[in-house]
Amino acid sequence: MKKIASLIIALGVLAFFIGCADDVFVEPPPSLTGDYTGVYIVKVGTQVPLEEVITWRFSQNSYQKRSEDSMFCDFDGTYELVNGVRLNQTNGRSTVKTCNEDQNPTGFFQLDQSADTVKMTQYDSQNDILKTIKLLKAE
C-alpha cells in the first residue's frame, strides 16, 4: 500500500512540474538597435592585433560597419540573436586596395551587452584568429 501511495505522490509531483513548464518565460536579450562607435580588432596567432576605430549601426535586423581608415572593409549585413549574435554579410565595399574580406566579422559571435555597451567575440581555433568588436552606444 505504501508503494502505491508513494507512486501516486511521485506522479502528482511530476505532473505538477510538467504542467508548470509552460509557465517558464525566458527574457529575450536587450535590443541591439541603434548607432554605436567603437573598435574592431583582429588578432591572428601571435601577430600584433590590427585595430580600427569604427561606427556601427544596428537596425531591426540589419547592420552597417563603417570606418574612416578603411584598414578593414566597410560592409552591410543582416543579423539574428541566437544565444549570441550571428552576423551575415550581404554587401562589402572598400575605398582602399588592401581590404581583406576574410577579416570581416561573419558567422557566430559570443555577445556580451550591458546598458550602453556591446562586445562581440569570435575565436576560430582552426586558424587561430580572434575577432573582437567593442561598441559604445552613440549619444
C-alpha atoms as a PDB file:
ATOM      1  CA  MET A   1       0.000   0.000   0.000  1.00  0.00           C
ATOM      2  CA  LYS A   2       2.900   2.347   0.798  1.00  0.00           C
ATOM      3  CA  LYS A   3       4.366   1.713  -2.646  1.00  0.00           C
ATOM      4  CA  ILE A   4       1.118   2.704  -4.336  1.00  0.00           C
ATOM      5  CA  ALA A   5       0.816   5.862  -2.220  1.00  0.00           C
ATOM      6  CA  SER A   6       4.456   6.795  -2.989  1.00  0.00           C
ATOM      7  CA  LEU A   7       3.855   6.205  -6.695  1.00  0.00           C
ATOM      8  CA  ILE A   8       0.737   8.394  -6.678  1.00  0.00           C
ATOM      9  CA  ILE A   9       2.609  11.200  -4.877  1.00  0.00           C
ATOM     10  CA  ALA A  10       5.571  10.926  -7.273  1.00  0.00           C
ATOM     11  CA  LEU A  11       3.258  11.058 -10.299  1.00  0.00           C
ATOM     12  CA  GLY A  12       1.448  14.047  -8.812  1.00  0.00           C
ATOM     13  CA  VAL A  13       4.715  15.926  -8.284  1.00  0.00           C
ATOM     14  CA  LEU A  14       5.863  15.032 -11.805  1.00  0.00           C
ATOM     15  CA  ALA A  15       2.549  16.201 -13.290  1.00  0.00           C
ATOM     16  CA  PHE A  16       2.880  19.476 -11.353  1.00  0.00           C
ATOM     17  CA  PHE A  17       6.343  20.182 -12.765  1.00  0.00           C
ATOM     18  CA  ILE A  18       5.360  19.187 -16.299  1.00  0.00           C
ATOM     19  CA  GLY A  19       2.301  21.440 -16.080  1.00  0.00           C
ATOM     20  CA  CYS A  20       4.423  24.358 -14.883  1.00  0.00           C
ATOM     21  CA  ALA A  21       6.907  24.047 -17.729  1.00  0.00           C
ATOM     22  CA  ASP A  22       4.573  26.073 -19.948  1.00  0.00           C
ATOM     23  CA  ASP A  23       4.838  28.949 -17.484  1.00  0.00           C
ATOM     24  CA  VAL A  24       8.594  29.314 -17.909  1.00  0.00           C
ATOM     25  CA  PHE A  25       9.445  32.548 -19.716  1.00  0.00           C
ATOM     26  CA  VAL A  26      12.976  33.453 -20.757  1.00  0.00           C
ATOM     27  CA  GLU A  27      13.587  37.161 -21.233  1.00  0.00           C
ATOM     28  CA  PRO A  28      14.887  37.993 -24.720  1.00  0.00           C
ATOM     29  CA  PRO A  29      18.210  39.854 -24.811  1.00  0.00           C
ATOM     30  CA  PRO A  30      18.058  43.651 -24.996  1.00  0.00           C
ATOM     31  CA  SER A  31      17.644  45.078 -28.483  1.00  0.00           C
ATOM     32  CA  LEU A  32      20.821  45.994 -30.351  1.00  0.00           C
ATOM     33  CA  THR A  33      19.065  48.646 -32.451  1.00  0.00           C
ATOM     34  CA  GLY A  34      20.959  51.942 -32.501  1.00  0.00           C
ATOM     35  CA  ASP A  35      24.128  53.746 -33.516  1.00  0.00           C
ATOM     36  CA  TYR A  36      27.475  52.874 -31.949  1.00  0.00           C
ATOM     37  CA  THR A  37      31.128  53.902 -32.060  1.00  0.00           C
ATOM     38  CA  GLY A  38      33.929  51.565 -31.132  1.00  0.00           C
ATOM     39  CA  VAL A  39      36.789  49.392 -32.320  1.00  0.00           C
ATOM     40  CA  TYR A  40      37.169  46.296 -34.431  1.00  0.00           C
ATOM     41  CA  ILE A  41      40.180  44.126 -33.567  1.00  0.00           C
ATOM     42  CA  VAL A  42      41.563  41.147 -35.491  1.00  0.00           C
ATOM     43  CA  LYS A  43      44.365  39.091 -33.932  1.00  0.00           C
ATOM     44  CA  VAL A  44      45.938  36.288 -35.952  1.00  0.00           C
ATOM     45  CA  GLY A  45      48.127  33.929 -33.933  1.00  0.00           C
ATOM     46  CA  THR A  46      50.918  35.792 -32.199  1.00  0.00           C
ATOM     47  CA  GLN A  47      50.913  38.717 -34.635  1.00  0.00           C
ATOM     48  CA  VAL A  48      50.276  42.250 -33.430  1.00  0.00           C
ATOM     49  CA  PRO A  49      46.488  42.801 -33.441  1.00  0.00           C
ATOM     50  CA  LEU A  50      45.030  45.005 -36.173  1.00  0.00           C
ATOM     51  CA  GLU A  51      42.673  47.578 -34.665  1.00  0.00           C
ATOM     52  CA  GLU A  52      40.424  50.147 -36.302  1.00  0.00           C
ATOM     53  CA  VAL A  53      38.006  52.775 -34.983  1.00  0.00           C
ATOM     54  CA  ILE A  54      34.548  52.117 -36.430  1.00  0.00           C
ATOM     55  CA  THR A  55      30.959  53.261 -36.468  1.00  0.00           C
ATOM     56  CA  TRP A  56      28.277  50.574 -36.382  1.00  0.00           C
ATOM     57  CA  ARG A  57      24.534  50.766 -36.882  1.00  0.00           C
ATOM     58  CA  PHE A  58      22.088  48.047 -35.951  1.00  0.00           C
ATOM     59  CA  SER A  59      18.565  48.383 -37.341  1.00  0.00           C
ATOM     60  CA  GLN A  60      15.771  45.909 -36.656  1.00  0.00           C
ATOM     61  CA  ASN A  61      17.519  43.017 -38.443  1.00  0.00           C
ATOM     62  CA  SER A  62      20.431  44.524 -40.376  1.00  0.00           C
ATOM     63  CA  TYR A  63      23.725  46.269 -39.626  1.00  0.00           C
ATOM     64  CA  GLN A  64      26.349  48.523 -41.211  1.00  0.00           C
ATOM     65  CA  LYS A  65      30.040  48.835 -40.341  1.00  0.00           C
ATOM     66  CA  ARG A  66      31.908  51.942 -41.451  1.00  0.00           C
ATOM     67  CA  SER A  67      35.335  53.441 -40.760  1.00  0.00           C
ATOM     68  CA  GLU A  68      37.389  56.378 -41.895  1.00  0.00           C
ATOM     69  CA  ASP A  69      40.696  54.482 -42.029  1.00  0.00           C
ATOM     70  CA  SER A  70      39.338  51.546 -44.064  1.00  0.00           C
ATOM     71  CA  MET A  71      42.002  49.135 -42.850  1.00  0.00           C
ATOM     72  CA  PHE A  72      39.118  46.666 -42.873  1.00  0.00           C
ATOM     73  CA  CYS A  73      36.314  46.584 -45.430  1.00  0.00           C
ATOM     74  CA  ASP A  74      33.132  48.553 -44.926  1.00  0.00           C
ATOM     75  CA  PHE A  75      30.137  46.245 -45.160  1.00  0.00           C
ATOM     76  CA  ASP A  76      26.441  45.734 -44.596  1.00  0.00           C
ATOM     77  CA  GLY A  77      24.648  42.644 -43.442  1.00  0.00           C
ATOM     78  CA  THR A  78      21.853  41.039 -41.510  1.00  0.00           C
ATOM     79  CA  TYR A  79      21.969  39.625 -38.005  1.00  0.00           C
ATOM     80  CA  GLU A  80      19.984  37.439 -35.675  1.00  0.00           C
ATOM     81  CA  LEU A  81      20.185  36.979 -31.922  1.00  0.00           C
ATOM     82  CA  VAL A  82      20.691  33.248 -31.240  1.00  0.00           C
ATOM     83  CA  ASN A  83      22.446  32.561 -27.906  1.00  0.00           C
ATOM     84  CA  GLY A  84      24.839  35.243 -29.091  1.00  0.00           C
ATOM     85  CA  VAL A  85      24.669  37.012 -32.429  1.00  0.00           C
ATOM     86  CA  ARG A  86      25.029  35.653 -35.957  1.00  0.00           C
ATOM     87  CA  LEU A  87      26.365  38.192 -38.486  1.00  0.00           C
ATOM     88  CA  ASN A  88      25.706  37.551 -42.177  1.00  0.00           C
ATOM     89  CA  GLN A  89      27.470  39.910 -44.561  1.00  0.00           C
ATOM     90  CA  THR A  90      25.374  40.883 -47.577  1.00  0.00           C
ATOM     91  CA  ASN A  91      27.399  43.682 -49.179  1.00  0.00           C
ATOM     92  CA  GLY A  92      31.035  44.760 -48.854  1.00  0.00           C
ATOM     93  CA  ARG A  93      32.905  47.711 -50.228  1.00  0.00           C
ATOM     94  CA  SER A  94      36.291  49.268 -49.777  1.00  0.00           C
ATOM     95  CA  THR A  95      37.921  52.542 -50.613  1.00  0.00           C
ATOM     96  CA  VAL A  96      41.394  51.007 -50.333  1.00  0.00           C
ATOM     97  CA  LYS A  97      43.033  48.127 -52.182  1.00  0.00           C
ATOM     98  CA  THR A  98      44.380  46.482 -49.012  1.00  0.00           C
ATOM     99  CA  CYS A  99      40.944  45.478 -47.732  1.00  0.00           C
ATOM    100  CA  ASN A 100      40.863  41.752 -46.905  1.00  0.00           C
ATOM    101  CA  GLU A 101      37.306  40.379 -46.826  1.00  0.00           C
ATOM    102  CA  ASP A 102      38.495  37.301 -44.899  1.00  0.00           C
ATOM    103  CA  GLN A 103      38.943  39.619 -41.914  1.00  0.00           C
ATOM    104  CA  ASN A 104      35.313  40.766 -41.946  1.00  0.00           C
ATOM    105  CA  PRO A 105      33.243  39.660 -38.968  1.00  0.00           C
ATOM    106  CA  THR A 106      30.839  36.995 -40.201  1.00  0.00           C
ATOM    107  CA  GLY A 107      29.311  33.984 -38.507  1.00  0.00           C
ATOM    108  CA  PHE A 108      28.524  33.364 -34.855  1.00  0.00           C
ATOM    109  CA  PHE A 109      29.833  35.702 -32.132  1.00  0.00           C
ATOM    110  CA  GLN A 110      29.577  35.490 -28.368  1.00  0.00           C
ATOM    111  CA  LEU A 111      27.586  38.505 -27.188  1.00  0.00           C
ATOM    112  CA  ASP A 112      28.125  40.481 -24.009  1.00  0.00           C
ATOM    113  CA  GLN A 113      25.918  43.520 -23.651  1.00  0.00           C
ATOM    114  CA  SER A 114      25.112  45.955 -20.913  1.00  0.00           C
ATOM    115  CA  ALA A 115      23.109  49.180 -20.946  1.00  0.00           C
ATOM    116  CA  ASP A 116      25.274  51.137 -23.391  1.00  0.00           C
ATOM    117  CA  THR A 117      27.988  48.701 -24.473  1.00  0.00           C
ATOM    118  CA  VAL A 118      28.141  45.703 -26.773  1.00  0.00           C
ATOM    119  CA  LYS A 119      31.074  43.291 -27.062  1.00  0.00           C
ATOM    120  CA  MET A 120      31.082  40.568 -29.699  1.00  0.00           C
ATOM    121  CA  THR A 121      33.873  37.991 -29.890  1.00  0.00           C
ATOM    122  CA  GLN A 122      34.625  35.111 -32.216  1.00  0.00           C
ATOM    123  CA  TYR A 123      37.545  32.708 -31.974  1.00  0.00           C
ATOM    124  CA  ASP A 124      38.463  30.465 -34.896  1.00  0.00           C
ATOM    125  CA  SER A 125      40.711  27.847 -33.270  1.00  0.00           C
ATOM    126  CA  GLN A 126      41.487  26.149 -36.583  1.00  0.00           C
ATOM    127  CA  ASN A 127      43.118  29.317 -37.970  1.00  0.00           C
ATOM    128  CA  ASP A 128      43.971  30.913 -34.571  1.00  0.00           C
ATOM    129  CA  ILE A 129      42.035  34.107 -35.347  1.00  0.00           C
ATOM    130  CA  LEU A 130      40.323  36.205 -32.671  1.00  0.00           C
ATOM    131  CA  LYS A 131      37.860  38.860 -33.855  1.00  0.00           C
ATOM    132  CA  THR A 132      36.515  41.357 -31.332  1.00  0.00           C
ATOM    133  CA  ILE A 133      34.020  44.177 -31.800  1.00  0.00           C
ATOM    134  CA  LYS A 134      33.686  46.611 -28.884  1.00  0.00           C
ATOM    135  CA  LEU A 135      30.908  49.164 -29.234  1.00  0.00           C
ATOM    136  CA  LEU A 136      29.590  52.046 -27.154  1.00  0.00           C
ATOM    137  CA  LYS A 137      26.094  53.378 -27.852  1.00  0.00           C
ATOM    138  CA  ALA A 138      26.349  56.794 -29.537  1.00  0.00           C
ATOM    139  CA  GLU A 139      24.823  59.725 -27.713  1.00  0.00           C
END
